[in-house]
Amino acid sequence: MDIPRAEVAAGKRRRRIIYGSIGVVAIGLITVGLSRLEPAAPTVERATVWIDTVKRGPMLRQVRGSGTLVPEEVRWIPATTDGRVEQILVKPGTAVTADTVLLELSNPEVELSALEAESAVKAAEAEYTNLKVQLESQVLNQQAQAASVRSSYHQAKLQAEANKELARDGLIASLTLKLSEVTADELAGRSEIEEKRLAISADASKAQLAVQAARLDQLRGAWQLRRRQVDSLKVRSGSDGVLQQLPVEVGQRYTAGTILAKVAQPGHLKAEVRIAETQARDIELGQVASIDTRNGVVPGRVVRIDPASENGTVKVDVALEGPLPKGARPDLSVDGTIELERLTDVLYVGRPAFGQEQSTVGLFKLEPGGSGAVRTQVKLGRSSVNTVEILEGLNVGDQVVLSDMSAWNAFDRVRLN
């Protein structure tokens, strides 16, 4: 018969316990080790990213924006009176002179007012002529009366002197002498009064004629105004140039002040370029610029900076200093580049997809061999259209990825294939 051995069973139990403990400890160590391992670096296709090399040297700072060509001189033609469009004589795009009639309006009320004003002027002219004749007749009557009194006075004066001589010789009575002297003195006073009345009459005639003349001038002014209103029904360009806009329709009625046409000089154009407000702070008057019309590049210079921003952009006016290429016309879309400054010796690289100037960004710097890239904190300085200054984090010859790497924000290292 078999006899059980207790020591053998106990040994087996000890070995199982030891092996189980060793297995538990091994699993724990493996788990801790695996938890401490870094995640595998993701793979990025090299052909899909933009890689640039850090350089040192001169860097041209520029800003760029889009815009349009606009005329330097624009004439907006408003309606000076109410009217209905009867006829359009010129179409947009036509060359016009100052006397070119663009369209004709009609307004019976204005025409009737002009006729009434003309009639009032003619009536006032007739009244003025009649008054002038009457006043001249009155002055002539007063002159005749004054002359008659003056003549009587001279006769009485001579008679008094003659009577004085005769009285001295005792040929006439002293009473006769006194009577002749009194008559002469009376006529002298009347002559002086008539002369004053003649002067007053002349002044009064001038005053009455001046009042009538002022009224006549007023009526003539009103008539001329009405005539100008009638003339304005034929809308003229007012200056040489090209008709740009004519936003009217035949039969439509427009009120005074409504813009009827726009005339510009196509040979004198400037560029209105819109620059992002974050890049416009360094723009100054007089800076050199270039305007790309897509049919040639024209040099220019900044002449005006809009003091206010609109929709996140600042409007900058650039005066063109070179001949315009063929096809240049108002409202043509253009691209403008403004030169801010030239930096002589700086560390720079291509401008990354994300990262503003004077900020710190994380860029992937290529490792030796170029098989991988490690995220590096880089401090940026002044920026241009395509380049940016490097202040800290990179050295000459370093290669960095400038493309958008936001999809790998959770990783500090990537592999490049």
Protein backbone atom coordinates (compact mmCIF):
# COMPACT_ATOMS: atom_id res chain seq x y z
CA MET A 1 0.00 0.00 0.00
CA ASP A 2 1.10 3.56 -0.60
CA ILE A 3 2.10 5.62 2.38
CA PRO A 4 1.50 9.44 2.02
CA ARG A 5 4.54 11.67 2.63
CA ALA A 6 3.56 14.94 4.36
CA GLU A 7 6.87 16.69 3.63
CA VAL A 8 6.39 16.32 -0.15
CA ALA A 9 2.91 17.96 -0.13
CA ALA A 10 4.17 20.85 2.01
CA GLY A 11 7.05 21.48 -0.41
CA LYS A 12 4.71 21.63 -3.34
CA ARG A 13 2.56 24.19 -1.56
CA ARG A 14 5.60 26.33 -0.75
CA ARG A 15 6.78 26.22 -4.37
CA ARG A 16 3.33 27.26 -5.62
CA ILE A 17 3.24 30.16 -3.17
CA ILE A 18 6.76 31.26 -4.16
CA TYR A 19 6.02 31.04 -7.88
CA GLY A 20 2.73 32.94 -7.44
CA SER A 21 4.44 35.71 -5.45
CA ILE A 22 7.20 35.97 -8.06
CA GLY A 23 4.54 36.21 -10.81
CA VAL A 24 2.62 38.94 -8.97
CA VAL A 25 5.80 40.95 -8.37
CA ALA A 26 6.86 40.54 -12.00
CA ILE A 27 3.47 41.69 -13.30
CA GLY A 28 3.64 44.75 -10.99
CA LEU A 29 7.12 45.64 -12.15
CA ILE A 30 6.15 45.26 -15.79
CA THR A 31 3.08 47.44 -15.27
CA VAL A 32 5.12 50.19 -13.57
CA GLY A 33 7.71 50.05 -16.31
CA LEU A 34 5.16 50.26 -19.07
CA SER A 35 3.42 53.20 -17.38
CA ARG A 36 6.67 55.12 -17.32
CA LEU A 37 7.37 54.64 -21.01
CA GLU A 38 6.76 57.71 -23.23
CA PRO A 39 4.13 57.38 -25.98
CA ALA A 40 5.48 56.59 -29.40
CA ALA A 41 6.25 59.70 -31.52
CA PRO A 42 3.71 60.20 -34.35
CA THR A 43 4.90 60.11 -37.93
CA VAL A 44 4.59 63.14 -40.23
CA GLU A 45 5.23 63.08 -43.95
CA ARG A 46 8.12 65.44 -44.72
CA ALA A 47 6.58 66.39 -48.05
CA THR A 48 3.48 67.78 -46.34
CA VAL A 49 5.26 70.29 -44.08
CA TRP A 50 7.21 73.45 -44.78
CA ILE A 51 10.74 73.42 -43.41
CA ASP A 52 13.02 76.46 -43.33
CA THR A 53 16.56 77.12 -42.15
CA VAL A 54 17.48 79.86 -39.67
CA LYS A 55 19.75 82.49 -41.24
CA ARG A 56 21.58 85.63 -40.16
CA GLY A 57 21.85 88.73 -42.27
CA PRO A 58 19.78 91.66 -43.56
CA MET A 59 16.01 91.40 -43.35
CA LEU A 60 13.54 93.66 -45.12
CA ARG A 61 10.43 94.35 -43.04
CA GLN A 62 7.28 94.70 -45.11
CA VAL A 63 3.53 94.59 -44.69
CA ARG A 64 1.09 93.56 -47.37
CA GLY A 65 -2.58 94.10 -48.06
CA SER A 66 -5.15 94.10 -50.82
CA GLY A 67 -7.02 97.08 -52.15
CA THR A 68 -8.25 98.91 -55.23
CA LEU A 69 -7.22 101.70 -57.56
CA VAL A 70 -9.28 104.84 -57.08
CA PRO A 71 -9.19 108.22 -58.88
CA GLU A 72 -7.39 111.05 -57.12
CA GLU A 73 -10.02 113.49 -58.37
CA VAL A 74 -13.65 112.41 -58.32
CA ARG A 75 -16.62 114.63 -59.11
CA TRP A 76 -19.99 113.57 -57.72
CA ILE A 77 -22.82 115.26 -59.60
CA PRO A 78 -25.95 115.79 -57.49
CA ALA A 79 -29.40 116.87 -58.59
CA THR A 80 -29.77 120.59 -57.84
CA THR A 81 -33.55 120.43 -58.08
CA ASP A 82 -36.29 117.85 -58.15
CA GLY A 83 -36.90 116.28 -61.54
CA ARG A 84 -37.87 113.24 -63.56
CA VAL A 85 -35.37 111.61 -65.91
CA GLU A 86 -36.49 112.14 -69.50
CA GLN A 87 -33.43 110.95 -71.41
CA ILE A 88 -30.00 109.42 -70.74
CA LEU A 89 -27.49 110.68 -73.29
CA VAL A 90 -24.19 109.13 -72.11
CA LYS A 91 -23.35 105.66 -70.83
CA PRO A 92 -20.74 104.84 -68.13
CA GLY A 93 -17.23 104.43 -69.51
CA THR A 94 -17.58 107.29 -72.00
CA ALA A 95 -15.03 110.11 -72.08
CA VAL A 96 -16.74 113.43 -71.33
CA THR A 97 -15.88 117.12 -71.21
CA ALA A 98 -17.05 119.78 -68.80
CA ASP A 99 -20.00 120.76 -71.05
CA THR A 100 -21.13 117.24 -71.95
CA VAL A 101 -24.83 116.76 -71.16
CA LEU A 102 -25.20 113.41 -69.40
CA LEU A 103 -28.97 113.29 -69.01
CA GLU A 104 -32.04 115.49 -69.16
CA LEU A 105 -34.59 116.02 -66.39
CA SER A 106 -38.01 117.62 -66.48
CA ASN A 107 -39.85 119.68 -63.86
CA PRO A 108 -42.82 121.80 -65.00
CA GLU A 109 -42.93 123.67 -61.70
CA VAL A 110 -39.35 124.88 -62.13
CA GLU A 111 -40.00 125.97 -65.70
CA LEU A 112 -43.18 127.82 -64.66
CA SER A 113 -41.34 129.54 -61.81
CA ALA A 114 -38.68 130.70 -64.28
CA LEU A 115 -41.35 132.22 -66.55
CA GLU A 116 -43.01 133.97 -63.60
CA ALA A 117 -39.66 135.32 -62.45
CA GLU A 118 -38.93 136.63 -65.96
CA SER A 119 -42.31 138.38 -66.10
CA ALA A 120 -41.72 139.96 -62.69
CA VAL A 121 -38.36 141.29 -63.87
CA LYS A 122 -39.86 142.84 -67.00
CA ALA A 123 -42.62 144.48 -64.95
CA ALA A 124 -40.08 145.85 -62.47
CA GLU A 125 -37.96 147.21 -65.31
CA ALA A 126 -41.00 149.05 -66.71
CA GLU A 127 -41.80 150.47 -63.27
CA TYR A 128 -38.22 151.59 -62.87
CA THR A 129 -38.25 153.36 -66.25
CA ASN A 130 -41.58 155.06 -65.49
CA LEU A 131 -40.41 156.19 -62.06
CA LYS A 132 -37.18 157.50 -63.51
CA VAL A 133 -39.09 159.61 -66.08
CA GLN A 134 -41.44 160.99 -63.44
CA LEU A 135 -38.65 161.91 -61.07
CA GLU A 136 -36.64 163.55 -63.86
CA SER A 137 -39.73 165.59 -64.78
CA GLN A 138 -40.16 166.68 -61.17
CA VAL A 139 -36.53 167.69 -60.94
CA LEU A 140 -36.80 169.68 -64.18
CA ASN A 141 -39.90 171.50 -62.87
CA GLN A 142 -38.08 172.30 -59.66
CA GLN A 143 -35.09 173.56 -61.61
CA ALA A 144 -37.36 175.80 -63.71
CA GLN A 145 -39.05 177.23 -60.63
CA ALA A 146 -35.72 177.84 -58.92
CA ALA A 147 -34.41 179.56 -62.05
CA SER A 148 -37.52 181.79 -62.21
CA VAL A 149 -37.19 182.86 -58.58
CA ARG A 150 -33.48 183.45 -59.04
CA SER A 151 -34.18 185.65 -62.06
CA SER A 152 -36.80 187.66 -60.15
CA TYR A 153 -34.36 188.11 -57.32
CA HIS A 154 -31.66 189.47 -59.61
CA GLN A 155 -34.13 191.88 -61.19
CA ALA A 156 -35.34 193.06 -57.77
CA LYS A 157 -31.76 193.49 -56.63
CA LEU A 158 -30.92 195.63 -59.66
CA GLN A 159 -34.08 197.68 -59.14
CA ALA A 160 -33.16 198.28 -55.49
CA GLU A 161 -29.67 199.44 -56.44
CA ALA A 162 -31.11 201.79 -59.09
CA ASN A 163 -33.61 203.22 -56.61
CA LYS A 164 -30.81 203.77 -54.14
CA GLU A 165 -28.94 205.94 -56.65
CA LEU A 166 -32.09 207.86 -57.51
CA ALA A 167 -32.97 208.39 -53.87
CA ARG A 168 -29.49 209.77 -53.23
CA ASP A 169 -30.14 212.39 -55.87
CA GLY A 170 -33.61 213.01 -54.46
CA LEU A 171 -35.38 211.79 -57.56
CA ILE A 172 -37.59 209.23 -55.78
CA ALA A 173 -39.09 208.99 -52.36
CA SER A 174 -37.33 207.06 -49.63
CA LEU A 175 -40.41 204.83 -49.25
CA THR A 176 -40.04 203.59 -52.82
CA LEU A 177 -36.41 202.69 -52.05
CA LYS A 178 -37.40 200.73 -48.98
CA LEU A 179 -40.08 198.85 -50.89
CA SER A 180 -37.61 197.82 -53.60
CA GLU A 181 -35.07 196.70 -51.01
CA VAL A 182 -37.70 194.61 -49.13
CA THR A 183 -38.77 193.00 -52.40
CA ALA A 184 -35.14 192.12 -53.23
CA ASP A 185 -34.57 190.62 -49.77
CA GLU A 186 -37.75 188.54 -50.05
CA LEU A 187 -36.78 187.17 -53.43
CA ALA A 188 -33.28 186.39 -52.11
CA GLY A 189 -34.82 184.22 -49.36
CA ARG A 190 -37.17 182.51 -51.81
CA SER A 191 -34.27 181.85 -54.18
CA GLU A 192 -32.27 180.21 -51.40
CA ILE A 193 -35.27 178.06 -50.41
CA GLU A 194 -35.85 176.98 -54.02
CA GLU A 195 -32.20 175.98 -54.34
CA LYS A 196 -32.51 173.80 -51.21
CA ARG A 197 -35.74 172.29 -52.50
CA LEU A 198 -33.98 171.51 -55.80
CA ALA A 199 -31.14 169.74 -53.97
CA ILE A 200 -33.60 167.80 -51.78
CA SER A 201 -35.64 166.84 -54.82
CA ALA A 202 -32.56 165.49 -56.59
CA ASP A 203 -31.55 163.47 -53.52
CA ALA A 204 -35.10 162.14 -53.12
CA SER A 205 -35.12 161.09 -56.77
CA LYS A 206 -31.87 159.19 -56.33
CA ALA A 207 -33.20 157.46 -53.19
CA GLN A 208 -36.43 156.39 -54.88
CA LEU A 209 -34.53 155.12 -57.91
CA ALA A 210 -32.12 153.22 -55.61
CA VAL A 211 -35.06 151.50 -53.87
CA GLN A 212 -36.58 150.52 -57.18
CA ALA A 213 -33.19 149.40 -58.53
CA ALA A 214 -32.64 147.21 -55.45
CA ARG A 215 -36.01 145.58 -55.95
CA LEU A 216 -35.18 145.07 -59.61
CA ASP A 217 -31.83 143.49 -58.75
CA GLN A 218 -33.57 141.18 -56.30
CA LEU A 219 -36.04 140.07 -58.95
CA ARG A 220 -33.23 139.62 -61.47
CA GLY A 221 -31.34 137.45 -58.96
CA ALA A 222 -34.43 135.30 -58.44
CA TRP A 223 -34.85 135.04 -62.20
CA GLN A 224 -31.23 134.01 -62.69
CA LEU A 225 -31.66 131.38 -59.99
CA ARG A 226 -34.72 130.03 -61.73
CA ARG A 227 -32.87 130.05 -65.05
CA ARG A 228 -29.99 128.10 -63.48
CA GLN A 229 -32.50 125.60 -62.11
CA VAL A 230 -33.96 125.20 -65.59
CA ASP A 231 -30.45 124.83 -67.04
CA SER A 232 -29.60 122.27 -64.36
CA LEU A 233 -32.33 120.03 -65.73
CA LYS A 234 -29.71 119.29 -68.39
CA VAL A 235 -27.16 117.56 -66.15
CA ARG A 236 -23.59 118.24 -67.28
CA SER A 237 -20.38 116.54 -66.19
CA GLY A 238 -18.73 119.77 -65.02
CA SER A 239 -15.19 118.49 -65.66
CA ASP A 240 -13.19 116.47 -68.16
CA GLY A 241 -12.81 112.78 -67.45
CA VAL A 242 -14.61 109.46 -67.81
CA LEU A 243 -18.16 108.80 -66.65
CA GLN A 244 -17.82 106.14 -63.94
CA GLN A 245 -21.37 105.74 -62.66
CA LEU A 246 -24.86 106.79 -63.76
CA PRO A 247 -27.24 105.15 -61.26
CA VAL A 248 -30.47 106.53 -62.73
CA GLU A 249 -33.34 105.19 -64.83
CA VAL A 250 -35.54 106.88 -67.39
CA GLY A 251 -38.88 107.88 -65.87
CA GLN A 252 -37.60 107.82 -62.30
CA ARG A 253 -38.08 110.97 -60.20
CA TYR A 254 -35.21 112.21 -58.03
CA THR A 255 -35.11 114.84 -55.31
CA ALA A 256 -32.55 117.62 -54.94
CA GLY A 257 -29.26 116.35 -53.54
CA THR A 258 -29.54 112.86 -55.02
CA ILE A 259 -26.29 111.71 -56.65
CA LEU A 260 -26.92 111.32 -60.37
CA ALA A 261 -23.45 110.62 -61.78
CA LYS A 262 -19.77 110.15 -60.94
CA VAL A 263 -17.00 111.50 -63.18
CA ALA A 264 -13.33 110.71 -62.59
CA GLN A 265 -10.00 111.27 -64.29
CA PRO A 266 -8.65 107.80 -65.10
CA GLY A 267 -5.13 109.06 -65.71
CA HIS A 268 -4.68 110.17 -62.09
CA LEU A 269 -5.12 107.13 -59.87
CA LYS A 270 -3.99 106.16 -56.39
CA ALA A 271 -4.15 102.89 -54.50
CA GLU A 272 -6.24 102.35 -51.38
CA VAL A 273 -4.67 99.41 -49.56
CA ARG A 274 -6.17 97.80 -46.46
CA ILE A 275 -3.59 96.59 -43.93
CA ALA A 276 -4.40 94.44 -40.90
CA GLU A 277 -4.56 96.70 -37.85
CA THR A 278 -2.02 94.50 -36.03
CA GLN A 279 0.53 95.25 -38.77
CA ALA A 280 -0.32 98.90 -39.44
CA ARG A 281 1.24 100.36 -36.30
CA ASP A 282 4.68 100.83 -37.94
CA ILE A 283 3.40 102.44 -41.14
CA GLU A 284 4.43 106.08 -41.58
CA LEU A 285 3.89 108.77 -44.20
CA GLY A 286 6.47 108.76 -46.98
CA GLN A 287 7.37 105.07 -46.77
CA VAL A 288 8.16 103.31 -50.04
CA ALA A 289 5.48 101.00 -51.44
CA SER A 290 4.84 98.89 -54.51
CA ILE A 291 1.46 98.17 -56.08
CA ASP A 292 0.92 94.96 -58.02
CA THR A 293 -1.84 95.44 -60.61
CA ARG A 294 -1.40 91.83 -61.84
CA ASN A 295 -0.27 93.36 -65.10
CA GLY A 296 2.77 95.11 -63.71
CA VAL A 297 4.19 96.57 -60.50
CA VAL A 298 4.06 100.34 -59.94
CA PRO A 299 6.24 102.09 -57.33
CA GLY A 300 4.53 104.40 -54.90
CA ARG A 301 4.72 106.19 -51.59
CA VAL A 302 2.41 106.35 -48.56
CA VAL A 303 0.56 109.68 -48.54
CA ARG A 304 -2.29 109.08 -46.06
CA ILE A 305 -3.14 106.73 -43.20
CA ASP A 306 -6.74 106.45 -42.08
CA PRO A 307 -6.93 107.43 -38.39
CA ALA A 308 -9.59 104.79 -37.67
CA SER A 309 -9.72 101.08 -38.38
CA GLU A 310 -12.65 99.34 -40.06
CA ASN A 311 -13.38 95.63 -39.87
CA GLY A 312 -9.95 94.94 -38.44
CA THR A 313 -8.05 96.81 -41.18
CA VAL A 314 -6.57 100.26 -41.68
CA LYS A 315 -6.90 102.01 -45.05
CA VAL A 316 -3.63 103.39 -46.41
CA ASP A 317 -3.47 105.65 -49.50
CA VAL A 318 -0.48 105.12 -51.78
CA ALA A 319 0.38 107.71 -54.45
CA LEU A 320 1.64 106.05 -57.62
CA GLU A 321 4.99 107.40 -58.86
CA GLY A 322 5.40 105.39 -62.04
CA PRO A 323 3.53 104.97 -65.33
CA LEU A 324 0.39 102.91 -65.06
CA PRO A 325 0.40 99.57 -66.89
CA LYS A 326 -2.13 98.80 -69.57
CA GLY A 327 -5.52 97.91 -68.22
CA ALA A 328 -5.19 100.04 -65.07
CA ARG A 329 -8.53 101.60 -64.29
CA PRO A 330 -10.58 102.70 -61.28
CA ASP A 331 -11.82 99.95 -58.93
CA LEU A 332 -9.19 97.52 -60.21
CA SER A 333 -8.16 95.05 -57.49
CA VAL A 334 -4.48 95.32 -56.53
CA ASP A 335 -2.02 94.03 -53.93
CA GLY A 336 0.12 96.53 -52.06
CA THR A 337 3.41 96.02 -50.24
CA ILE A 338 4.79 98.72 -47.93
CA GLU A 339 8.44 98.75 -46.87
CA LEU A 340 8.74 99.49 -43.15
CA GLU A 341 12.49 99.26 -42.50
CA ARG A 342 15.69 97.38 -43.42
CA LEU A 343 17.32 95.42 -40.59
CA THR A 344 21.06 94.95 -41.23
CA ASP A 345 22.19 91.99 -39.07
CA VAL A 346 19.49 89.87 -37.47
CA LEU A 347 18.68 86.21 -36.94
CA TYR A 348 15.59 85.34 -38.94
CA VAL A 349 13.55 82.52 -40.43
CA GLY A 350 10.44 82.13 -42.53
CA ARG A 351 7.27 83.27 -40.86
CA PRO A 352 5.46 80.36 -39.13
CA ALA A 353 1.81 79.59 -39.76
CA PHE A 354 0.94 80.65 -36.21
CA GLY A 355 2.73 83.18 -34.03
CA GLN A 356 2.64 86.95 -33.88
CA GLU A 357 5.68 89.17 -33.57
CA GLN A 358 7.01 89.82 -30.08
CA SER A 359 5.61 86.51 -28.81
CA THR A 360 6.84 83.05 -27.81
CA VAL A 361 5.73 80.01 -29.82
CA GLY A 362 6.52 76.31 -29.87
CA LEU A 363 8.21 75.20 -33.10
CA PHE A 364 9.42 71.73 -34.06
CA LYS A 365 13.19 71.87 -34.57
CA LEU A 366 14.69 69.10 -36.66
CA GLU A 367 17.13 66.78 -34.92
CA PRO A 368 20.55 65.94 -36.44
CA GLY A 369 19.90 63.69 -39.39
CA GLY A 370 16.45 65.13 -39.96
CA SER A 371 14.54 61.98 -39.02
CA GLY A 372 12.75 63.60 -36.12
CA ALA A 373 11.78 67.00 -34.73
CA VAL A 374 11.50 68.21 -31.14
CA ARG A 375 9.24 71.01 -29.93
CA THR A 376 11.31 74.08 -28.98
CA GLN A 377 10.14 77.33 -27.41
CA VAL A 378 11.16 80.20 -29.68
CA LYS A 379 10.88 83.92 -28.90
CA LEU A 380 9.94 85.96 -31.98
CA GLY A 381 10.82 89.60 -32.62
CA ARG A 382 9.88 91.91 -35.46
CA SER A 383 8.10 90.36 -38.42
CA SER A 384 7.75 90.95 -42.13
CA VAL A 385 5.51 89.52 -44.82
CA ASN A 386 7.43 86.24 -45.18
CA THR A 387 10.09 86.36 -42.45
CA VAL A 388 10.31 86.94 -38.70
CA GLU A 389 13.18 87.86 -36.39
CA ILE A 390 14.41 85.23 -33.89
CA LEU A 391 15.34 86.54 -30.46
CA GLU A 392 15.81 83.31 -28.48
CA GLY A 393 15.53 79.55 -28.94
CA LEU A 394 17.22 78.97 -32.30
CA ASN A 395 20.66 79.36 -33.85
CA VAL A 396 22.01 79.83 -37.34
CA GLY A 397 21.57 76.68 -39.40
CA ASP A 398 18.74 75.19 -37.31
CA GLN A 399 15.87 73.81 -39.34
CA VAL A 400 12.33 74.26 -38.10
CA VAL A 401 8.87 73.26 -39.27
CA LEU A 402 6.82 76.37 -40.13
CA SER A 403 3.60 74.60 -41.12
CA ASP A 404 0.52 74.31 -38.93
CA MET A 405 1.36 71.56 -36.38
CA SER A 406 -1.66 72.08 -34.12
CA ALA A 407 -2.75 68.49 -34.79
CA TRP A 408 0.29 67.32 -32.77
CA ASN A 409 -0.05 69.71 -29.83
CA ALA A 410 -0.13 66.70 -27.48
CA PHE A 411 3.35 65.59 -28.57
CA ASP A 412 6.74 67.14 -28.03
CA ARG A 413 8.44 65.02 -30.69
CA VAL A 414 7.47 63.82 -34.16
CA ARG A 415 9.12 61.59 -36.71
CA LEU A 416 9.59 62.77 -40.28
CA ASN A 417 9.43 60.31 -43.17
